[in-house]
Amino acid sequence: MINNTKKCRKCKEVKDYSAFSKAKSMNDGYSGQCKKCAADYSAEWRKNNKEKITEYLVEYRTNNKEKIAEYLVEYRISPAKYSSFSHQLTVDEDTRLAEDGISLELRCKYCQEYFIPTISMVNSRISAINGKMSGENNLYCSDKCKQSCVTFGKSPEQLMTQDQMRAGIIDEPTHRDPYIQSQFRQLIIDKHGTNCELCGAIGIDVDVHHENPLASNCGTDIMLWDNDNGIVVCKKCHHQRLHVGECSPTALANRKLII
C-alpha cells in the first residue's frame, strides 16, 4: 500500500502530500515542512527583517533597471491567466478557461467572439470596474472592433447624450462637436494612412483636412463628415498650401471646420 502522508518536521503533524510543496532535493520529492509552517516562517522572517529587505530591493532595482523594464513589458503583453483574473471581472465578460488549461478567455465587447486578452488589457478593465480609472476600458479582440464599437472612448455623459439623440430628446450634433471631429480624424487616418498626401512626408504628426470645407453650405453635416471628404496632410502643407484664400485658417476657424 502506498503511503500518501508525511510528517512535518516543524509542527510534527502527519499530513497528506498535498499539504507539502514539491522539492527535488528531498528523497520523496516534497519539502520537510508543510506549506502552512513554511508560510508562517516566511512571514515571521519578513517581519523581523524589513530594513534588510528594503535595502536589497533598492539595490536590486538600481542595478537592474533595464532588466526590470524588459520584464514589465513582457509581463504586460503576456496572456492573462484564468486563475488570476476571472474572479475580478464582471458577468459581461463571460469568462472561461482556455483550451490550454491556463489562459483566460472572454468575449469581445463588440463582436462577442471569445479571445485571450493580455495582462495589461485585463488590469485596465479591472481598474475601471473598481473606479480607479476613468471610462469603461472594455475588452476588444482587435483594433477594428475597438474602433467599430459605438461606446468605445466615450464617457458615461457622452453615452447618455447618444441615447437622448436616438430618442429624439435632443438634436443631432453638428460639426462643432469635438467628439465628431476626433472620430472623423481617426476615420480618415485609418483610410489614408499617416503620410502626407501632398508632399509625401512620413513619420510626422499629421492633420486631417476637409477637401470640401463648404459641404455644410451645400448640404448637411452628413456630407461634411463623409469619409471621402478628407485627406491626410502634414501641418506645413495644411497651413501653407491648403488654408489660403477662402480656406484660410481664420475663415475655417470662423466656421469651426479645422480639426
C-alpha atoms as a PDB file:
ATOM      1  CA  MET A   1       0.000   0.000   0.000  1.00  0.00           C
ATOM      2  CA  ILE A   2       1.375   3.393  -1.000  1.00  0.00           C
ATOM      3  CA  ASN A   3       1.795   5.888   1.841  1.00  0.00           C
ATOM      4  CA  ASN A   4       0.350   9.271   0.795  1.00  0.00           C
ATOM      5  CA  THR A   5       1.123  11.061   4.056  1.00  0.00           C
ATOM      6  CA  LYS A   6       4.148  12.730   5.585  1.00  0.00           C
ATOM      7  CA  LYS A   7       5.117  14.152   8.989  1.00  0.00           C
ATOM      8  CA  CYS A   8       6.015  17.835   9.097  1.00  0.00           C
ATOM      9  CA  ARG A   9       9.354  18.346  10.831  1.00  0.00           C
ATOM     10  CA  LYS A  10       8.170  21.677  12.228  1.00  0.00           C
ATOM     11  CA  CYS A  11       4.652  21.120  13.615  1.00  0.00           C
ATOM     12  CA  LYS A  12       5.106  17.301  13.826  1.00  0.00           C
ATOM     13  CA  GLU A  13       1.660  16.737  12.310  1.00  0.00           C
ATOM     14  CA  VAL A  14       1.069  13.941   9.797  1.00  0.00           C
ATOM     15  CA  LYS A  15      -0.477  15.416   6.667  1.00  0.00           C
ATOM     16  CA  ASP A  16      -1.320  14.450   3.105  1.00  0.00           C
ATOM     17  CA  TYR A  17       1.371  15.110   0.493  1.00  0.00           C
ATOM     18  CA  SER A  18      -0.817  17.858  -0.972  1.00  0.00           C
ATOM     19  CA  ALA A  19      -0.053  19.913   2.165  1.00  0.00           C
ATOM     20  CA  PHE A  20       3.661  19.988   1.239  1.00  0.00           C
ATOM     21  CA  SER A  21       5.449  21.879  -1.533  1.00  0.00           C
ATOM     22  CA  LYS A  22       7.431  19.879  -4.058  1.00  0.00           C
ATOM     23  CA  ALA A  23      11.224  19.821  -3.560  1.00  0.00           C
ATOM     24  CA  LYS A  24      13.521  17.943  -5.961  1.00  0.00           C
ATOM     25  CA  SER A  25      16.328  17.848  -3.387  1.00  0.00           C
ATOM     26  CA  MET A  26      14.297  15.689  -0.994  1.00  0.00           C
ATOM     27  CA  ASN A  27      14.205  11.895  -1.323  1.00  0.00           C
ATOM     28  CA  ASP A  28      10.417  11.771  -1.528  1.00  0.00           C
ATOM     29  CA  GLY A  29      10.226  14.905  -3.696  1.00  0.00           C
ATOM     30  CA  TYR A  30       8.457  17.034  -1.061  1.00  0.00           C
ATOM     31  CA  SER A  31       9.600  19.695   1.384  1.00  0.00           C
ATOM     32  CA  GLY A  32      10.255  18.733   5.001  1.00  0.00           C
ATOM     33  CA  GLN A  33       7.926  21.496   6.254  1.00  0.00           C
ATOM     34  CA  CYS A  34       4.253  21.678   5.398  1.00  0.00           C
ATOM     35  CA  LYS A  35       3.042  24.700   3.412  1.00  0.00           C
ATOM     36  CA  LYS A  36       1.482  26.329   6.479  1.00  0.00           C
ATOM     37  CA  CYS A  37       4.649  26.126   8.570  1.00  0.00           C
ATOM     38  CA  ALA A  38       6.748  27.366   5.664  1.00  0.00           C
ATOM     39  CA  ALA A  39       4.394  30.336   5.162  1.00  0.00           C
ATOM     40  CA  ASP A  40       4.437  31.165   8.888  1.00  0.00           C
ATOM     41  CA  TYR A  41       8.247  31.077   8.939  1.00  0.00           C
ATOM     42  CA  SER A  42       8.473  33.284   5.849  1.00  0.00           C
ATOM     43  CA  ALA A  43       6.033  35.841   7.292  1.00  0.00           C
ATOM     44  CA  GLU A  44       7.943  35.979  10.592  1.00  0.00           C
ATOM     45  CA  TRP A  45      11.275  36.419   8.784  1.00  0.00           C
ATOM     46  CA  ARG A  46       9.924  39.290   6.653  1.00  0.00           C
ATOM     47  CA  LYS A  47       8.520  40.969   9.781  1.00  0.00           C
ATOM     48  CA  ASN A  48      11.904  40.825  11.534  1.00  0.00           C
ATOM     49  CA  ASN A  49      13.982  41.871   8.501  1.00  0.00           C
ATOM     50  CA  LYS A  50      12.086  44.807   6.972  1.00  0.00           C
ATOM     51  CA  GLU A  51      15.131  47.081   6.707  1.00  0.00           C
ATOM     52  CA  LYS A  52      17.267  44.343   5.168  1.00  0.00           C
ATOM     53  CA  ILE A  53      14.579  43.587   2.577  1.00  0.00           C
ATOM     54  CA  THR A  54      14.155  47.276   1.720  1.00  0.00           C
ATOM     55  CA  GLU A  55      17.906  47.751   1.231  1.00  0.00           C
ATOM     56  CA  TYR A  56      18.087  44.700  -1.007  1.00  0.00           C
ATOM     57  CA  LEU A  57      15.162  45.843  -3.168  1.00  0.00           C
ATOM     58  CA  VAL A  58      16.540  49.368  -3.596  1.00  0.00           C
ATOM     59  CA  GLU A  59      19.947  48.000  -4.602  1.00  0.00           C
ATOM     60  CA  TYR A  60      18.448  45.434  -6.981  1.00  0.00           C
ATOM     61  CA  ARG A  61      16.200  47.970  -8.716  1.00  0.00           C
ATOM     62  CA  THR A  62      19.077  50.421  -9.071  1.00  0.00           C
ATOM     63  CA  ASN A  63      21.375  47.829 -10.643  1.00  0.00           C
ATOM     64  CA  ASN A  64      18.766  46.143 -12.850  1.00  0.00           C
ATOM     65  CA  LYS A  65      16.652  48.952 -14.343  1.00  0.00           C
ATOM     66  CA  GLU A  66      16.839  47.645 -17.927  1.00  0.00           C
ATOM     67  CA  LYS A  67      16.146  44.065 -16.877  1.00  0.00           C
ATOM     68  CA  ILE A  68      13.114  45.153 -14.837  1.00  0.00           C
ATOM     69  CA  ALA A  69      11.808  47.332 -17.683  1.00  0.00           C
ATOM     70  CA  GLU A  70      12.107  44.431 -20.158  1.00  0.00           C
ATOM     71  CA  TYR A  71      10.344  42.100 -17.740  1.00  0.00           C
ATOM     72  CA  LEU A  72       7.470  44.540 -17.211  1.00  0.00           C
ATOM     73  CA  VAL A  73       6.952  44.948 -20.954  1.00  0.00           C
ATOM     74  CA  GLU A  74       6.963  41.178 -21.443  1.00  0.00           C
ATOM     75  CA  TYR A  75       4.639  40.712 -18.467  1.00  0.00           C
ATOM     76  CA  ARG A  76       2.062  43.245 -19.693  1.00  0.00           C
ATOM     77  CA  ILE A  77       1.749  41.655 -23.128  1.00  0.00           C
ATOM     78  CA  SER A  78       1.594  38.096 -21.763  1.00  0.00           C
ATOM     79  CA  PRO A  79      -1.726  36.185 -21.896  1.00  0.00           C
ATOM     80  CA  ALA A  80      -3.858  36.717 -18.805  1.00  0.00           C
ATOM     81  CA  LYS A  81      -4.293  33.649 -16.581  1.00  0.00           C
ATOM     82  CA  TYR A  82      -7.773  32.407 -15.729  1.00  0.00           C
ATOM     83  CA  SER A  83      -6.933  31.686 -12.082  1.00  0.00           C
ATOM     84  CA  SER A  84      -5.551  35.189 -11.543  1.00  0.00           C
ATOM     85  CA  PHE A  85      -8.214  37.360 -13.152  1.00  0.00           C
ATOM     86  CA  SER A  86     -11.531  35.608 -13.833  1.00  0.00           C
ATOM     87  CA  HIS A  87     -12.968  36.340 -10.375  1.00  0.00           C
ATOM     88  CA  GLN A  88     -12.151  40.057 -10.705  1.00  0.00           C
ATOM     89  CA  LEU A  89     -14.192  40.626 -13.878  1.00  0.00           C
ATOM     90  CA  THR A  90     -17.937  41.015 -14.398  1.00  0.00           C
ATOM     91  CA  VAL A  91     -20.524  38.702 -15.938  1.00  0.00           C
ATOM     92  CA  ASP A  92     -20.441  40.902 -19.071  1.00  0.00           C
ATOM     93  CA  GLU A  93     -17.014  39.490 -19.968  1.00  0.00           C
ATOM     94  CA  ASP A  94     -18.391  35.916 -19.825  1.00  0.00           C
ATOM     95  CA  THR A  95     -15.025  34.441 -18.828  1.00  0.00           C
ATOM     96  CA  ARG A  96     -13.980  30.822 -19.332  1.00  0.00           C
ATOM     97  CA  LEU A  97     -10.841  28.694 -19.175  1.00  0.00           C
ATOM     98  CA  ALA A  98      -8.963  28.457 -22.483  1.00  0.00           C
ATOM     99  CA  GLU A  99      -8.108  25.133 -24.111  1.00  0.00           C
ATOM    100  CA  ASP A 100      -4.519  25.331 -22.810  1.00  0.00           C
ATOM    101  CA  GLY A 101      -5.920  24.966 -19.288  1.00  0.00           C
ATOM    102  CA  ILE A 102      -4.160  28.139 -18.112  1.00  0.00           C
ATOM    103  CA  SER A 103      -5.194  31.229 -20.052  1.00  0.00           C
ATOM    104  CA  LEU A 104      -8.295  33.357 -19.620  1.00  0.00           C
ATOM    105  CA  GLU A 105     -10.808  33.636 -22.438  1.00  0.00           C
ATOM    106  CA  LEU A 106     -13.608  36.197 -22.567  1.00  0.00           C
ATOM    107  CA  ARG A 107     -15.960  37.783 -25.089  1.00  0.00           C
ATOM    108  CA  CYS A 108     -15.023  40.819 -27.180  1.00  0.00           C
ATOM    109  CA  LYS A 109     -17.246  43.771 -26.252  1.00  0.00           C
ATOM    110  CA  TYR A 110     -18.071  44.401 -29.940  1.00  0.00           C
ATOM    111  CA  CYS A 111     -18.130  41.134 -31.916  1.00  0.00           C
ATOM    112  CA  GLN A 112     -18.793  38.845 -28.908  1.00  0.00           C
ATOM    113  CA  GLU A 113     -16.198  36.323 -30.096  1.00  0.00           C
ATOM    114  CA  TYR A 114     -14.012  34.671 -27.447  1.00  0.00           C
ATOM    115  CA  PHE A 115     -10.337  35.702 -27.310  1.00  0.00           C
ATOM    116  CA  ILE A 116      -7.390  35.640 -24.880  1.00  0.00           C
ATOM    117  CA  PRO A 117      -6.580  39.162 -23.601  1.00  0.00           C
ATOM    118  CA  THR A 118      -3.202  40.379 -22.357  1.00  0.00           C
ATOM    119  CA  ILE A 119      -2.493  41.082 -18.699  1.00  0.00           C
ATOM    120  CA  SER A 120      -2.313  44.814 -19.432  1.00  0.00           C
ATOM    121  CA  MET A 121      -5.773  44.818 -21.037  1.00  0.00           C
ATOM    122  CA  VAL A 122      -7.355  42.946 -18.135  1.00  0.00           C
ATOM    123  CA  ASN A 123      -5.668  45.114 -15.490  1.00  0.00           C
ATOM    124  CA  SER A 124      -7.055  48.249 -17.150  1.00  0.00           C
ATOM    125  CA  ARG A 125     -10.554  46.762 -17.212  1.00  0.00           C
ATOM    126  CA  ILE A 126     -10.349  45.749 -13.540  1.00  0.00           C
ATOM    127  CA  SER A 127      -9.157  49.250 -12.589  1.00  0.00           C
ATOM    128  CA  ALA A 128     -12.160  50.714 -14.419  1.00  0.00           C
ATOM    129  CA  ILE A 129     -14.543  48.302 -12.679  1.00  0.00           C
ATOM    130  CA  ASN A 130     -13.116  49.338  -9.302  1.00  0.00           C
ATOM    131  CA  GLY A 131     -13.383  53.047 -10.140  1.00  0.00           C
ATOM    132  CA  LYS A 132      -9.623  53.606 -10.278  1.00  0.00           C
ATOM    133  CA  MET A 133      -9.621  54.652 -13.951  1.00  0.00           C
ATOM    134  CA  SER A 134     -11.966  56.837 -15.969  1.00  0.00           C
ATOM    135  CA  GLY A 135     -14.020  55.243 -18.724  1.00  0.00           C
ATOM    136  CA  GLU A 136     -15.119  51.634 -19.114  1.00  0.00           C
ATOM    137  CA  ASN A 137     -11.891  50.164 -20.576  1.00  0.00           C
ATOM    138  CA  ASN A 138     -13.906  47.384 -22.174  1.00  0.00           C
ATOM    139  CA  LEU A 139     -12.045  44.490 -23.778  1.00  0.00           C
ATOM    140  CA  TYR A 140     -11.792  44.116 -27.559  1.00  0.00           C
ATOM    141  CA  CYS A 141     -10.223  41.349 -29.622  1.00  0.00           C
ATOM    142  CA  SER A 142      -8.819  43.790 -32.223  1.00  0.00           C
ATOM    143  CA  ASP A 143      -8.369  47.477 -33.021  1.00  0.00           C
ATOM    144  CA  LYS A 144     -11.017  47.081 -35.722  1.00  0.00           C
ATOM    145  CA  CYS A 145     -13.613  46.016 -33.144  1.00  0.00           C
ATOM    146  CA  LYS A 146     -12.490  48.764 -30.808  1.00  0.00           C
ATOM    147  CA  GLN A 147     -12.941  51.482 -33.432  1.00  0.00           C
ATOM    148  CA  SER A 148     -16.240  49.998 -34.630  1.00  0.00           C
ATOM    149  CA  CYS A 149     -17.830  49.921 -31.169  1.00  0.00           C
ATOM    150  CA  VAL A 150     -20.181  52.866 -30.629  1.00  0.00           C
ATOM    151  CA  THR A 151     -19.310  53.006 -26.906  1.00  0.00           C
ATOM    152  CA  PHE A 152     -15.515  52.985 -27.275  1.00  0.00           C
ATOM    153  CA  GLY A 153     -13.781  56.056 -25.873  1.00  0.00           C
ATOM    154  CA  LYS A 154     -16.995  57.625 -24.644  1.00  0.00           C
ATOM    155  CA  SER A 155     -17.700  58.819 -21.145  1.00  0.00           C
ATOM    156  CA  PRO A 156     -20.996  57.991 -19.388  1.00  0.00           C
ATOM    157  CA  GLU A 157     -22.112  61.538 -20.188  1.00  0.00           C
ATOM    158  CA  GLN A 158     -21.437  61.043 -23.910  1.00  0.00           C
ATOM    159  CA  LEU A 159     -23.300  57.740 -23.923  1.00  0.00           C
ATOM    160  CA  MET A 160     -26.256  59.381 -22.208  1.00  0.00           C
ATOM    161  CA  THR A 161     -26.233  62.138 -24.840  1.00  0.00           C
ATOM    162  CA  GLN A 162     -26.139  59.487 -27.569  1.00  0.00           C
ATOM    163  CA  ASP A 163     -29.190  57.747 -26.093  1.00  0.00           C
ATOM    164  CA  GLN A 164     -31.037  61.062 -25.853  1.00  0.00           C
ATOM    165  CA  MET A 165     -30.311  61.762 -29.537  1.00  0.00           C
ATOM    166  CA  ARG A 166     -31.654  58.360 -30.552  1.00  0.00           C
ATOM    167  CA  ALA A 167     -34.799  59.021 -28.518  1.00  0.00           C
ATOM    168  CA  GLY A 168     -35.248  62.424 -30.155  1.00  0.00           C
ATOM    169  CA  ILE A 169     -34.932  64.256 -26.841  1.00  0.00           C
ATOM    170  CA  ILE A 170     -32.083  66.433 -28.140  1.00  0.00           C
ATOM    171  CA  ASP A 171     -30.892  67.350 -31.652  1.00  0.00           C
ATOM    172  CA  GLU A 172     -28.136  65.547 -33.556  1.00  0.00           C
ATOM    173  CA  PRO A 173     -24.636  67.087 -33.075  1.00  0.00           C
ATOM    174  CA  THR A 174     -23.185  69.497 -35.646  1.00  0.00           C
ATOM    175  CA  HIS A 175     -19.659  69.926 -36.943  1.00  0.00           C
ATOM    176  CA  ARG A 176     -18.853  71.869 -33.747  1.00  0.00           C
ATOM    177  CA  ASP A 177     -19.000  68.661 -31.709  1.00  0.00           C
ATOM    178  CA  PRO A 178     -15.378  67.807 -30.656  1.00  0.00           C
ATOM    179  CA  TYR A 179     -16.187  64.094 -30.430  1.00  0.00           C
ATOM    180  CA  ILE A 180     -17.408  64.034 -34.041  1.00  0.00           C
ATOM    181  CA  GLN A 181     -14.216  65.872 -35.050  1.00  0.00           C
ATOM    182  CA  SER A 182     -11.984  63.282 -33.359  1.00  0.00           C
ATOM    183  CA  GLN A 183     -13.923  60.371 -34.878  1.00  0.00           C
ATOM    184  CA  PHE A 184     -13.686  61.872 -38.377  1.00  0.00           C
ATOM    185  CA  ARG A 185      -9.939  62.411 -37.921  1.00  0.00           C
ATOM    186  CA  GLN A 186      -9.395  58.764 -36.931  1.00  0.00           C
ATOM    187  CA  LEU A 187     -11.616  57.552 -39.781  1.00  0.00           C
ATOM    188  CA  ILE A 188      -9.566  59.420 -42.388  1.00  0.00           C
ATOM    189  CA  ILE A 189      -6.216  58.344 -40.900  1.00  0.00           C
ATOM    190  CA  ASP A 190      -7.343  54.702 -40.861  1.00  0.00           C
ATOM    191  CA  LYS A 191      -8.334  55.014 -44.528  1.00  0.00           C
ATOM    192  CA  HIS A 192      -5.382  57.028 -45.880  1.00  0.00           C
ATOM    193  CA  GLY A 193      -2.508  56.247 -43.514  1.00  0.00           C
ATOM    194  CA  THR A 194      -0.173  58.654 -41.709  1.00  0.00           C
ATOM    195  CA  ASN A 195       1.928  60.030 -44.598  1.00  0.00           C
ATOM    196  CA  CYS A 196       1.250  63.477 -46.033  1.00  0.00           C
ATOM    197  CA  GLU A 197      -0.717  63.020 -49.267  1.00  0.00           C
ATOM    198  CA  LEU A 198       0.642  66.257 -50.745  1.00  0.00           C
ATOM    199  CA  CYS A 199       4.419  66.247 -50.123  1.00  0.00           C
ATOM    200  CA  GLY A 200       4.849  62.585 -49.106  1.00  0.00           C
ATOM    201  CA  ALA A 201       6.396  63.367 -45.716  1.00  0.00           C
ATOM    202  CA  ILE A 202       6.479  60.324 -43.415  1.00  0.00           C
ATOM    203  CA  GLY A 203       6.834  59.812 -39.687  1.00  0.00           C
ATOM    204  CA  ILE A 204       5.290  63.172 -38.847  1.00  0.00           C
ATOM    205  CA  ASP A 205       2.363  64.481 -36.807  1.00  0.00           C
ATOM    206  CA  VAL A 206      -0.442  64.801 -39.347  1.00  0.00           C
ATOM    207  CA  ASP A 207      -3.615  66.835 -39.732  1.00  0.00           C
ATOM    208  CA  VAL A 208      -6.850  65.890 -41.464  1.00  0.00           C
ATOM    209  CA  HIS A 209      -8.181  68.411 -43.997  1.00  0.00           C
ATOM    210  CA  HIS A 210     -11.703  68.636 -45.414  1.00  0.00           C
ATOM    211  CA  GLU A 211     -11.407  68.537 -49.205  1.00  0.00           C
ATOM    212  CA  ASN A 212     -14.733  70.311 -49.480  1.00  0.00           C
ATOM    213  CA  PRO A 213     -14.983  72.606 -46.430  1.00  0.00           C
ATOM    214  CA  LEU A 214     -18.083  74.202 -47.932  1.00  0.00           C
ATOM    215  CA  ALA A 215     -20.044  70.966 -47.654  1.00  0.00           C
ATOM    216  CA  SER A 216     -22.043  72.370 -44.740  1.00  0.00           C
ATOM    217  CA  ASN A 217     -23.178  75.194 -47.023  1.00  0.00           C
ATOM    218  CA  CYS A 218     -24.304  72.933 -49.827  1.00  0.00           C
ATOM    219  CA  GLY A 219     -25.918  70.093 -47.914  1.00  0.00           C
ATOM    220  CA  THR A 220     -25.882  68.614 -44.425  1.00  0.00           C
ATOM    221  CA  ASP A 221     -23.371  67.730 -41.715  1.00  0.00           C
ATOM    222  CA  ILE A 222     -23.507  64.163 -43.028  1.00  0.00           C
ATOM    223  CA  MET A 223     -21.822  65.413 -46.232  1.00  0.00           C
ATOM    224  CA  LEU A 224     -19.209  67.294 -44.204  1.00  0.00           C
ATOM    225  CA  TRP A 225     -18.183  64.153 -42.273  1.00  0.00           C
ATOM    226  CA  ASP A 226     -18.265  61.731 -45.212  1.00  0.00           C
ATOM    227  CA  ASN A 227     -15.069  59.638 -45.305  1.00  0.00           C
ATOM    228  CA  ASP A 228     -14.487  60.756 -48.913  1.00  0.00           C
ATOM    229  CA  ASN A 229     -14.305  64.379 -47.786  1.00  0.00           C
ATOM    230  CA  GLY A 230     -10.917  64.246 -46.050  1.00  0.00           C
ATOM    231  CA  ILE A 231      -7.201  63.853 -46.743  1.00  0.00           C
ATOM    232  CA  VAL A 232      -4.147  63.390 -44.518  1.00  0.00           C
ATOM    233  CA  VAL A 233      -1.551  66.184 -44.690  1.00  0.00           C
ATOM    234  CA  CYS A 234       1.427  67.424 -42.714  1.00  0.00           C
ATOM    235  CA  LYS A 235       0.987  70.640 -40.745  1.00  0.00           C
ATOM    236  CA  LYS A 236       3.142  72.627 -43.180  1.00  0.00           C
ATOM    237  CA  CYS A 237       1.062  71.662 -46.218  1.00  0.00           C
ATOM    238  CA  HIS A 238      -2.128  72.069 -44.204  1.00  0.00           C
ATOM    239  CA  HIS A 239      -1.488  75.717 -43.413  1.00  0.00           C
ATOM    240  CA  GLN A 240       0.726  76.884 -46.284  1.00  0.00           C
ATOM    241  CA  ARG A 241      -0.834  75.114 -49.266  1.00  0.00           C
ATOM    242  CA  LEU A 242      -4.445  74.459 -48.323  1.00  0.00           C
ATOM    243  CA  HIS A 243      -5.569  77.182 -45.952  1.00  0.00           C
ATOM    244  CA  VAL A 244      -5.296  80.086 -48.390  1.00  0.00           C
ATOM    245  CA  GLY A 245      -7.952  82.445 -49.690  1.00  0.00           C
ATOM    246  CA  GLU A 246     -11.418  81.162 -48.815  1.00  0.00           C
ATOM    247  CA  CYS A 247      -9.824  78.245 -46.959  1.00  0.00           C
ATOM    248  CA  SER A 248      -7.574  80.363 -44.726  1.00  0.00           C
ATOM    249  CA  PRO A 249      -7.208  79.312 -41.069  1.00  0.00           C
ATOM    250  CA  THR A 250      -9.212  82.343 -39.992  1.00  0.00           C
ATOM    251  CA  ALA A 251     -12.055  81.621 -42.374  1.00  0.00           C
ATOM    252  CA  LEU A 252     -12.208  77.982 -41.412  1.00  0.00           C
ATOM    253  CA  ALA A 253     -11.925  78.755 -37.701  1.00  0.00           C
ATOM    254  CA  ASN A 254     -14.867  81.086 -38.012  1.00  0.00           C
ATOM    255  CA  ARG A 255     -16.879  78.180 -39.410  1.00  0.00           C
ATOM    256  CA  LYS A 256     -15.390  75.708 -36.833  1.00  0.00           C
ATOM    257  CA  LEU A 257     -14.130  73.426 -39.565  1.00  0.00           C
ATOM    258  CA  ILE A 258     -10.465  72.963 -38.546  1.00  0.00           C
ATOM    259  CA  ILE A 259      -9.656  69.642 -36.835  1.00  0.00           C
END
